[in-house]
Amino acid sequence: MPIGPGLRSGARITSGLIYFTYNSLNDKAVSELTLSIKNGVVDRNEIGQLAAYLNTEVPFQSMQKLNEKLGLADFEIFSQEEVVSTEK
C-alpha cells in the first residue's frame, strides 16, 4: 500500500529538521531544540502503521553525545494516519 499520494510503499529520507515545541519534562531548553535529520526511511510496520526511522545530529559534538545518551539521536516514530500528509 502506498504511503501517500504518488508515492510507493516506502521512501528514503535524505535530510530534514525536527523542531521541538513541547516536551513532557517541561524543560525550556528541550522545547527549543532543533535536530537535523541525517537520513531515514518511512514505510509500514508489521501492523500496517506508518513508521519513520530517523537518524539525527546537532552541530556540536558535546551536544550530539548528550543527545545519544538521551535517546534523541535515533528515532522510531509511528503514526495512526494511513498516509503521509501532503499539507505543510
PDB file of N, CA and C in Angstrom:
ATOM      1  N   MET A   1       0.848  -1.180   0.000  1.00  0.00           N
ATOM      2  CA  MET A   1       0.000   0.000   0.000  1.00  0.00           C
ATOM      3  C   MET A   1       0.897   1.249   0.000  1.00  0.00           C
ATOM      4  N   PRO A   2       0.655   2.212  -0.879  1.00  0.00           N
ATOM      5  CA  PRO A   2       1.464   3.438  -0.923  1.00  0.00           C
ATOM      6  C   PRO A   2       1.395   4.209   0.403  1.00  0.00           C
ATOM      7  N   ILE A   3       2.489   4.871   0.745  1.00  0.00           N
ATOM      8  CA  ILE A   3       2.497   5.663   1.982  1.00  0.00           C
ATOM      9  C   ILE A   3       1.853   7.031   1.792  1.00  0.00           C
ATOM     10  N   GLY A   4       1.582   7.409   0.542  1.00  0.00           N
ATOM     11  CA  GLY A   4       0.937   8.686   0.271  1.00  0.00           C
ATOM     12  C   GLY A   4       0.660   8.845  -1.202  1.00  0.00           C
ATOM     13  N   PRO A   5      -0.070   9.906  -1.577  1.00  0.00           N
ATOM     14  CA  PRO A   5      -0.398  10.139  -2.980  1.00  0.00           C
ATOM     15  C   PRO A   5       0.862  10.241  -3.845  1.00  0.00           C
ATOM     16  N   GLY A   6       0.922   9.438  -4.893  1.00  0.00           N
ATOM     17  CA  GLY A   6       2.056   9.464  -5.806  1.00  0.00           C
ATOM     18  C   GLY A   6       3.320   8.815  -5.270  1.00  0.00           C
ATOM     19  N   LEU A   7       3.238   8.151  -4.121  1.00  0.00           N
ATOM     20  CA  LEU A   7       4.410   7.514  -3.519  1.00  0.00           C
ATOM     21  C   LEU A   7       4.300   6.004  -3.553  1.00  0.00           C
ATOM     22  N   ARG A   8       5.409   5.350  -3.356  1.00  0.00           N
ATOM     23  CA  ARG A   8       5.431   3.888  -3.258  1.00  0.00           C
ATOM     24  C   ARG A   8       5.143   3.475  -1.822  1.00  0.00           C
ATOM     25  N   SER A   9       5.458   2.243  -1.498  1.00  0.00           N
ATOM     26  CA  SER A   9       5.174   1.729  -0.155  1.00  0.00           C
ATOM     27  C   SER A   9       6.208   2.171   0.880  1.00  0.00           C
ATOM     28  N   GLY A  10       7.240   2.871   0.446  1.00  0.00           N
ATOM     29  CA  GLY A  10       8.254   3.384   1.355  1.00  0.00           C
ATOM     30  C   GLY A  10       9.012   4.513   0.701  1.00  0.00           C
ATOM     31  N   ALA A  11       9.714   5.290   1.503  1.00  0.00           N
ATOM     32  CA  ALA A  11      10.504   6.394   0.976  1.00  0.00           C
ATOM     33  C   ALA A  11      11.745   6.581   1.830  1.00  0.00           C
ATOM     34  N   ARG A  12      12.825   6.957   1.181  1.00  0.00           N
ATOM     35  CA  ARG A  12      14.060   7.265   1.891  1.00  0.00           C
ATOM     36  C   ARG A  12      14.056   8.747   2.234  1.00  0.00           C
ATOM     37  N   ILE A  13      14.486   9.077   3.427  1.00  0.00           N
ATOM     38  CA  ILE A  13      14.600  10.463   3.856  1.00  0.00           C
ATOM     39  C   ILE A  13      16.078  10.837   3.782  1.00  0.00           C
ATOM     40  N   THR A  14      16.384  11.908   3.053  1.00  0.00           N
ATOM     41  CA  THR A  14      17.784  12.285   2.873  1.00  0.00           C
ATOM     42  C   THR A  14      18.186  13.479   3.718  1.00  0.00           C
ATOM     43  N   SER A  15      17.216  14.255   4.201  1.00  0.00           N
ATOM     44  CA  SER A  15      17.512  15.376   5.087  1.00  0.00           C
ATOM     45  C   SER A  15      16.210  15.940   5.626  1.00  0.00           C
ATOM     46  N   GLY A  16      16.326  16.779   6.634  1.00  0.00           N
ATOM     47  CA  GLY A  16      15.149  17.416   7.207  1.00  0.00           C
ATOM     48  C   GLY A  16      15.470  17.983   8.571  1.00  0.00           C
ATOM     49  N   LEU A  17      14.449  18.517   9.211  1.00  0.00           N
ATOM     50  CA  LEU A  17      14.597  19.099  10.536  1.00  0.00           C
ATOM     51  C   LEU A  17      13.457  18.651  11.436  1.00  0.00           C
ATOM     52  N   ILE A  18      13.747  18.515  12.718  1.00  0.00           N
ATOM     53  CA  ILE A  18      12.734  18.258  13.739  1.00  0.00           C
ATOM     54  C   ILE A  18      12.782  19.433  14.702  1.00  0.00           C
ATOM     55  N   TYR A  19      11.661  20.140  14.836  1.00  0.00           N
ATOM     56  CA  TYR A  19      11.561  21.262  15.766  1.00  0.00           C
ATOM     57  C   TYR A  19      10.753  20.812  16.972  1.00  0.00           C
ATOM     58  N   PHE A  20      11.333  20.884  18.145  1.00  0.00           N
ATOM     59  CA  PHE A  20      10.612  20.573  19.369  1.00  0.00           C
ATOM     60  C   PHE A  20       9.885  21.831  19.841  1.00  0.00           C
ATOM     61  N   THR A  21       8.633  21.687  20.192  1.00  0.00           N
ATOM     62  CA  THR A  21       7.879  22.819  20.740  1.00  0.00           C
ATOM     63  C   THR A  21       7.303  22.485  22.108  1.00  0.00           C
ATOM     64  N   TYR A  22       7.355  21.228  22.492  1.00  0.00           N
ATOM     65  CA  TYR A  22       6.810  20.768  23.765  1.00  0.00           C
ATOM     66  C   TYR A  22       7.576  19.529  24.185  1.00  0.00           C
ATOM     67  N   ASN A  23       7.710  19.333  25.480  1.00  0.00           N
ATOM     68  CA  ASN A  23       8.250  18.070  25.987  1.00  0.00           C
ATOM     69  C   ASN A  23       7.616  17.782  27.335  1.00  0.00           C
ATOM     70  N   SER A  24       7.495  16.535  27.661  1.00  0.00           N
ATOM     71  CA  SER A  24       6.818  16.129  28.898  1.00  0.00           C
ATOM     72  C   SER A  24       7.630  16.469  30.144  1.00  0.00           C
ATOM     73  N   LEU A  25       8.893  16.840  29.979  1.00  0.00           N
ATOM     74  CA  LEU A  25       9.723  17.242  31.119  1.00  0.00           C
ATOM     75  C   LEU A  25       9.518  18.707  31.473  1.00  0.00           C
ATOM     76  N   ASN A  26       8.793  19.436  30.620  1.00  0.00           N
ATOM     77  CA  ASN A  26       8.606  20.883  30.775  1.00  0.00           C
ATOM     78  C   ASN A  26       9.944  21.606  30.863  1.00  0.00           C
ATOM     79  N   ASP A  27      10.917  21.144  30.097  1.00  0.00           N
ATOM     80  CA  ASP A  27      12.243  21.735  30.062  1.00  0.00           C
ATOM     81  C   ASP A  27      12.313  22.704  28.886  1.00  0.00           C
ATOM     82  N   LYS A  28      12.539  23.993  29.188  1.00  0.00           N
ATOM     83  CA  LYS A  28      12.555  25.022  28.150  1.00  0.00           C
ATOM     84  C   LYS A  28      13.627  24.749  27.099  1.00  0.00           C
ATOM     85  N   ALA A  29      14.810  24.321  27.518  1.00  0.00           N
ATOM     86  CA  ALA A  29      15.894  24.066  26.569  1.00  0.00           C
ATOM     87  C   ALA A  29      15.518  22.961  25.584  1.00  0.00           C
ATOM     88  N   VAL A  30      14.904  21.902  26.064  1.00  0.00           N
ATOM     89  CA  VAL A  30      14.486  20.811  25.183  1.00  0.00           C
ATOM     90  C   VAL A  30      13.364  21.282  24.250  1.00  0.00           C
ATOM     91  N   SER A  31      12.471  22.138  24.751  1.00  0.00           N
ATOM     92  CA  SER A  31      11.375  22.647  23.924  1.00  0.00           C
ATOM     93  C   SER A  31      11.866  23.531  22.785  1.00  0.00           C
ATOM     94  N   GLU A  32      13.078  24.040  22.869  1.00  0.00           N
ATOM     95  CA  GLU A  32      13.632  24.882  21.813  1.00  0.00           C
ATOM     96  C   GLU A  32      14.640  24.137  20.933  1.00  0.00           C
ATOM     97  N   LEU A  33      14.765  22.841  21.123  1.00  0.00           N
ATOM     98  CA  LEU A  33      15.741  22.037  20.403  1.00  0.00           C
ATOM     99  C   LEU A  33      15.336  21.854  18.940  1.00  0.00           C
ATOM    100  N   THR A  34      16.324  21.927  18.064  1.00  0.00           N
ATOM    101  CA  THR A  34      16.138  21.611  16.652  1.00  0.00           C
ATOM    102  C   THR A  34      17.166  20.550  16.290  1.00  0.00           C
ATOM    103  N   LEU A  35      16.707  19.449  15.716  1.00  0.00           N
ATOM    104  CA  LEU A  35      17.599  18.377  15.296  1.00  0.00           C
ATOM    105  C   LEU A  35      17.618  18.302  13.777  1.00  0.00           C
ATOM    106  N   SER A  36      18.796  18.084  13.205  1.00  0.00           N
ATOM    107  CA  SER A  36      18.917  17.849  11.766  1.00  0.00           C
ATOM    108  C   SER A  36      18.761  16.356  11.512  1.00  0.00           C
ATOM    109  N   ILE A  37      17.953  16.020  10.531  1.00  0.00           N
ATOM    110  CA  ILE A  37      17.799  14.620  10.136  1.00  0.00           C
ATOM    111  C   ILE A  37      18.893  14.309   9.119  1.00  0.00           C
ATOM    112  N   LYS A  38      19.768  13.347   9.453  1.00  0.00           N
ATOM    113  CA  LYS A  38      20.825  12.926   8.527  1.00  0.00           C
ATOM    114  C   LYS A  38      20.260  12.001   7.466  1.00  0.00           C
ATOM    115  N   ASN A  39      19.451  11.046   7.911  1.00  0.00           N
ATOM    116  CA  ASN A  39      18.863  10.082   6.982  1.00  0.00           C
ATOM    117  C   ASN A  39      17.757   9.326   7.683  1.00  0.00           C
ATOM    118  N   GLY A  40      17.025   8.559   6.922  1.00  0.00           N
ATOM    119  CA  GLY A  40      15.957   7.753   7.497  1.00  0.00           C
ATOM    120  C   GLY A  40      15.090   7.137   6.423  1.00  0.00           C
ATOM    121  N   VAL A  41      14.051   6.460   6.867  1.00  0.00           N
ATOM    122  CA  VAL A  41      13.078   5.849   5.956  1.00  0.00           C
ATOM    123  C   VAL A  41      11.689   5.974   6.553  1.00  0.00           C
ATOM    124  N   VAL A  42      10.705   5.967   5.672  1.00  0.00           N
ATOM    125  CA  VAL A  42       9.304   5.882   6.073  1.00  0.00           C
ATOM    126  C   VAL A  42       8.716   4.701   5.321  1.00  0.00           C
ATOM    127  N   ASP A  43       8.092   3.798   6.054  1.00  0.00           N
ATOM    128  CA  ASP A  43       7.401   2.671   5.446  1.00  0.00           C
ATOM    129  C   ASP A  43       6.307   2.214   6.392  1.00  0.00           C
ATOM    130  N   ARG A  44       5.868   1.017   6.269  1.00  0.00           N
ATOM    131  CA  ARG A  44       4.814   0.499   7.143  1.00  0.00           C
ATOM    132  C   ARG A  44       5.392  -0.588   8.044  1.00  0.00           C
ATOM    133  N   ASN A  45       4.926  -0.614   9.283  1.00  0.00           N
ATOM    134  CA  ASN A  45       5.370  -1.670  10.187  1.00  0.00           C
ATOM    135  C   ASN A  45       4.510  -2.914   9.978  1.00  0.00           C
ATOM    136  N   GLU A  46       4.733  -3.917  10.794  1.00  0.00           N
ATOM    137  CA  GLU A  46       4.052  -5.204  10.616  1.00  0.00           C
ATOM    138  C   GLU A  46       2.538  -5.142  10.791  1.00  0.00           C
ATOM    139  N   ILE A  47       2.019  -4.101  11.453  1.00  0.00           N
ATOM    140  CA  ILE A  47       0.554  -3.989  11.600  1.00  0.00           C
ATOM    141  C   ILE A  47      -0.034  -2.912  10.683  1.00  0.00           C
ATOM    142  N   GLY A  48       0.789  -2.422   9.724  1.00  0.00           N
ATOM    143  CA  GLY A  48       0.296  -1.503   8.715  1.00  0.00           C
ATOM    144  C   GLY A  48       0.367  -0.029   9.036  1.00  0.00           C
ATOM    145  N   GLN A  49       0.889   0.329  10.207  1.00  0.00           N
ATOM    146  CA  GLN A  49       1.031   1.741  10.568  1.00  0.00           C
ATOM    147  C   GLN A  49       2.188   2.371   9.796  1.00  0.00           C
ATOM    148  N   LEU A  50       2.078   3.674   9.525  1.00  0.00           N
ATOM    149  CA  LEU A  50       3.222   4.395   9.000  1.00  0.00           C
ATOM    150  C   LEU A  50       4.295   4.417  10.080  1.00  0.00           C
ATOM    151  N   ALA A  51       5.518   4.148   9.683  1.00  0.00           N
ATOM    152  CA  ALA A  51       6.634   4.123  10.626  1.00  0.00           C
ATOM    153  C   ALA A  51       7.803   4.882  10.018  1.00  0.00           C
ATOM    154  N   ALA A  52       8.373   5.790  10.787  1.00  0.00           N
ATOM    155  CA  ALA A  52       9.552   6.535  10.347  1.00  0.00           C
ATOM    156  C   ALA A  52      10.716   6.159  11.256  1.00  0.00           C
ATOM    157  N   TYR A  53      11.839   5.899  10.648  1.00  0.00           N
ATOM    158  CA  TYR A  53      13.072   5.587  11.360  1.00  0.00           C
ATOM    159  C   TYR A  53      14.074   6.668  10.969  1.00  0.00           C
ATOM    160  N   LEU A  54      14.487   7.496  11.939  1.00  0.00           N
ATOM    161  CA  LEU A  54      15.295   8.674  11.660  1.00  0.00           C
ATOM    162  C   LEU A  54      16.599   8.667  12.433  1.00  0.00           C
ATOM    163  N   ASN A  55      17.665   9.125  11.780  1.00  0.00           N
ATOM    164  CA  ASN A  55      18.958   9.320  12.417  1.00  0.00           C
ATOM    165  C   ASN A  55      19.238  10.815  12.384  1.00  0.00           C
ATOM    166  N   THR A  56      19.524  11.404  13.560  1.00  0.00           N
ATOM    167  CA  THR A  56      19.679  12.856  13.651  1.00  0.00           C
ATOM    168  C   THR A  56      21.059  13.248  14.158  1.00  0.00           C
ATOM    169  N   GLU A  57      21.371  14.546  13.970  1.00  0.00           N
ATOM    170  CA  GLU A  57      22.610  15.086  14.528  1.00  0.00           C
ATOM    171  C   GLU A  57      22.440  16.581  14.797  1.00  0.00           C
ATOM    172  N   VAL A  58      23.284  17.078  15.676  1.00  0.00           N
ATOM    173  CA  VAL A  58      23.334  18.503  16.004  1.00  0.00           C
ATOM    174  C   VAL A  58      24.747  19.000  15.712  1.00  0.00           C
ATOM    175  N   PRO A  59      24.956  20.324  15.612  1.00  0.00           N
ATOM    176  CA  PRO A  59      26.251  20.834  15.171  1.00  0.00           C
ATOM    177  C   PRO A  59      27.409  20.713  16.166  1.00  0.00           C
ATOM    178  N   PHE A  60      27.139  20.462  17.430  1.00  0.00           N
ATOM    179  CA  PHE A  60      28.220  20.402  18.417  1.00  0.00           C
ATOM    180  C   PHE A  60      28.413  18.970  18.904  1.00  0.00           C
ATOM    181  N   GLN A  61      29.658  18.492  18.919  1.00  0.00           N
ATOM    182  CA  GLN A  61      29.952  17.117  19.311  1.00  0.00           C
ATOM    183  C   GLN A  61      29.465  16.805  20.716  1.00  0.00           C
ATOM    184  N   SER A  62      29.647  17.746  21.640  1.00  0.00           N
ATOM    185  CA  SER A  62      29.210  17.500  23.017  1.00  0.00           C
ATOM    186  C   SER A  62      27.682  17.349  23.082  1.00  0.00           C
ATOM    187  N   MET A  63      26.980  18.164  22.321  1.00  0.00           N
ATOM    188  CA  MET A  63      25.513  18.049  22.283  1.00  0.00           C
ATOM    189  C   MET A  63      25.090  16.746  21.610  1.00  0.00           C
ATOM    190  N   GLN A  64      25.818  16.323  20.580  1.00  0.00           N
ATOM    191  CA  GLN A  64      25.496  15.060  19.905  1.00  0.00           C
ATOM    192  C   GLN A  64      25.640  13.895  20.882  1.00  0.00           C
ATOM    193  N   LYS A  65      26.715  13.910  21.664  1.00  0.00           N
ATOM    194  CA  LYS A  65      26.914  12.848  22.659  1.00  0.00           C
ATOM    195  C   LYS A  65      25.801  12.859  23.698  1.00  0.00           C
ATOM    196  N   LEU A  66      25.383  14.052  24.119  1.00  0.00           N
ATOM    197  CA  LEU A  66      24.268  14.157  25.060  1.00  0.00           C
ATOM    198  C   LEU A  66      22.983  13.632  24.433  1.00  0.00           C
ATOM    199  N   ASN A  67      22.719  14.004  23.191  1.00  0.00           N
ATOM    200  CA  ASN A  67      21.517  13.515  22.508  1.00  0.00           C
ATOM    201  C   ASN A  67      21.529  11.996  22.397  1.00  0.00           C
ATOM    202  N   GLU A  68      22.679  11.427  22.135  1.00  0.00           N
ATOM    203  CA  GLU A  68      22.785   9.971  22.070  1.00  0.00           C
ATOM    204  C   GLU A  68      22.452   9.351  23.421  1.00  0.00           C
ATOM    205  N   LYS A  69      22.952   9.937  24.509  1.00  0.00           N
ATOM    206  CA  LYS A  69      22.652   9.436  25.853  1.00  0.00           C
ATOM    207  C   LYS A  69      21.167   9.572  26.180  1.00  0.00           C
ATOM    208  N   LEU A  70      20.543  10.668  25.708  1.00  0.00           N
ATOM    209  CA  LEU A  70      19.121  10.911  25.983  1.00  0.00           C
ATOM    210  C   LEU A  70      18.198  10.153  25.037  1.00  0.00           C
ATOM    211  N   GLY A  71      18.775   9.478  24.046  1.00  0.00           N
ATOM    212  CA  GLY A  71      17.951   8.758  23.088  1.00  0.00           C
ATOM    213  C   GLY A  71      17.347   9.652  22.016  1.00  0.00           C
ATOM    214  N   LEU A  72      17.986  10.796  21.756  1.00  0.00           N
ATOM    215  CA  LEU A  72      17.472  11.733  20.758  1.00  0.00           C
ATOM    216  C   LEU A  72      18.239  11.675  19.437  1.00  0.00           C
ATOM    217  N   ALA A  73      19.150  10.738  19.292  1.00  0.00           N
ATOM    218  CA  ALA A  73      19.924  10.633  18.055  1.00  0.00           C
ATOM    219  C   ALA A  73      19.232   9.735  17.034  1.00  0.00           C
ATOM    220  N   ASP A  74      18.548   8.725  17.498  1.00  0.00           N
ATOM    221  CA  ASP A  74      17.831   7.803  16.620  1.00  0.00           C
ATOM    222  C   ASP A  74      16.387   7.680  17.092  1.00  0.00           C
ATOM    223  N   PHE A  75      15.468   7.777  16.151  1.00  0.00           N
ATOM    224  CA  PHE A  75      14.038   7.751  16.467  1.00  0.00           C
ATOM    225  C   PHE A  75      13.324   6.652  15.705  1.00  0.00           C
ATOM    226  N   GLU A  76      12.328   6.089  16.327  1.00  0.00           N
ATOM    227  CA  GLU A  76      11.312   5.279  15.664  1.00  0.00           C
ATOM    228  C   GLU A  76       9.995   5.958  15.994  1.00  0.00           C
ATOM    229  N   ILE A  77       9.298   6.445  14.972  1.00  0.00           N
ATOM    230  CA  ILE A  77       8.061   7.177  15.173  1.00  0.00           C
ATOM    231  C   ILE A  77       6.952   6.471  14.413  1.00  0.00           C
ATOM    232  N   PHE A  78       5.800   6.294  15.065  1.00  0.00           N
ATOM    233  CA  PHE A  78       4.672   5.602  14.449  1.00  0.00           C
ATOM    234  C   PHE A  78       3.470   6.531  14.382  1.00  0.00           C
ATOM    235  N   SER A  79       2.685   6.383  13.337  1.00  0.00           N
ATOM    236  CA  SER A  79       1.523   7.245  13.139  1.00  0.00           C
ATOM    237  C   SER A  79       0.260   6.404  13.008  1.00  0.00           C
ATOM    238  N   GLN A  80      -0.837   6.946  13.497  1.00  0.00           N
ATOM    239  CA  GLN A  80      -2.136   6.303  13.328  1.00  0.00           C
ATOM    240  C   GLN A  80      -2.739   6.644  11.962  1.00  0.00           C
ATOM    241  N   GLU A  81      -2.183   7.647  11.284  1.00  0.00           N
ATOM    242  CA  GLU A  81      -2.666   8.037   9.958  1.00  0.00           C
ATOM    243  C   GLU A  81      -2.307   6.944   8.941  1.00  0.00           C
ATOM    244  N   GLU A  82      -3.118   6.817   7.905  1.00  0.00           N
ATOM    245  CA  GLU A  82      -2.871   5.785   6.891  1.00  0.00           C
ATOM    246  C   GLU A  82      -1.906   6.229   5.814  1.00  0.00           C
ATOM    247  N   VAL A  83      -1.819   7.561   5.586  1.00  0.00           N
ATOM    248  CA  VAL A  83      -0.931   8.079   4.550  1.00  0.00           C
ATOM    249  C   VAL A  83      -0.175   9.304   5.079  1.00  0.00           C
ATOM    250  N   VAL A  84       0.945   9.603   4.443  1.00  0.00           N
ATOM    251  CA  VAL A  84       1.733  10.783   4.767  1.00  0.00           C
ATOM    252  C   VAL A  84       0.962  12.004   4.291  1.00  0.00           C
ATOM    253  N   SER A  85       0.902  13.048   5.100  1.00  0.00           N
ATOM    254  CA  SER A  85       0.198  14.273   4.741  1.00  0.00           C
ATOM    255  C   SER A  85       0.950  15.019   3.640  1.00  0.00           C
ATOM    256  N   THR A  86       0.202  15.624   2.742  1.00  0.00           N
ATOM    257  CA  THR A  86       0.805  16.453   1.696  1.00  0.00           C
ATOM    258  C   THR A  86       0.659  17.936   2.032  1.00  0.00           C
ATOM    259  N   GLU A  87       0.096  18.240   3.202  1.00  0.00           N
ATOM    260  CA  GLU A  87      -0.086  19.631   3.631  1.00  0.00           C
ATOM    261  C   GLU A  87       1.133  20.105   4.400  1.00  0.00           C
ATOM    262  N   LYS A  88       1.424  21.413   4.295  1.00  0.00           N
ATOM    263  CA  LYS A  88       2.545  21.986   5.035  1.00  0.00           C
ATOM    264  C   LYS A  88       2.062  22.535   6.350  1.00  0.00           C
TER     265      LYS A  88
END
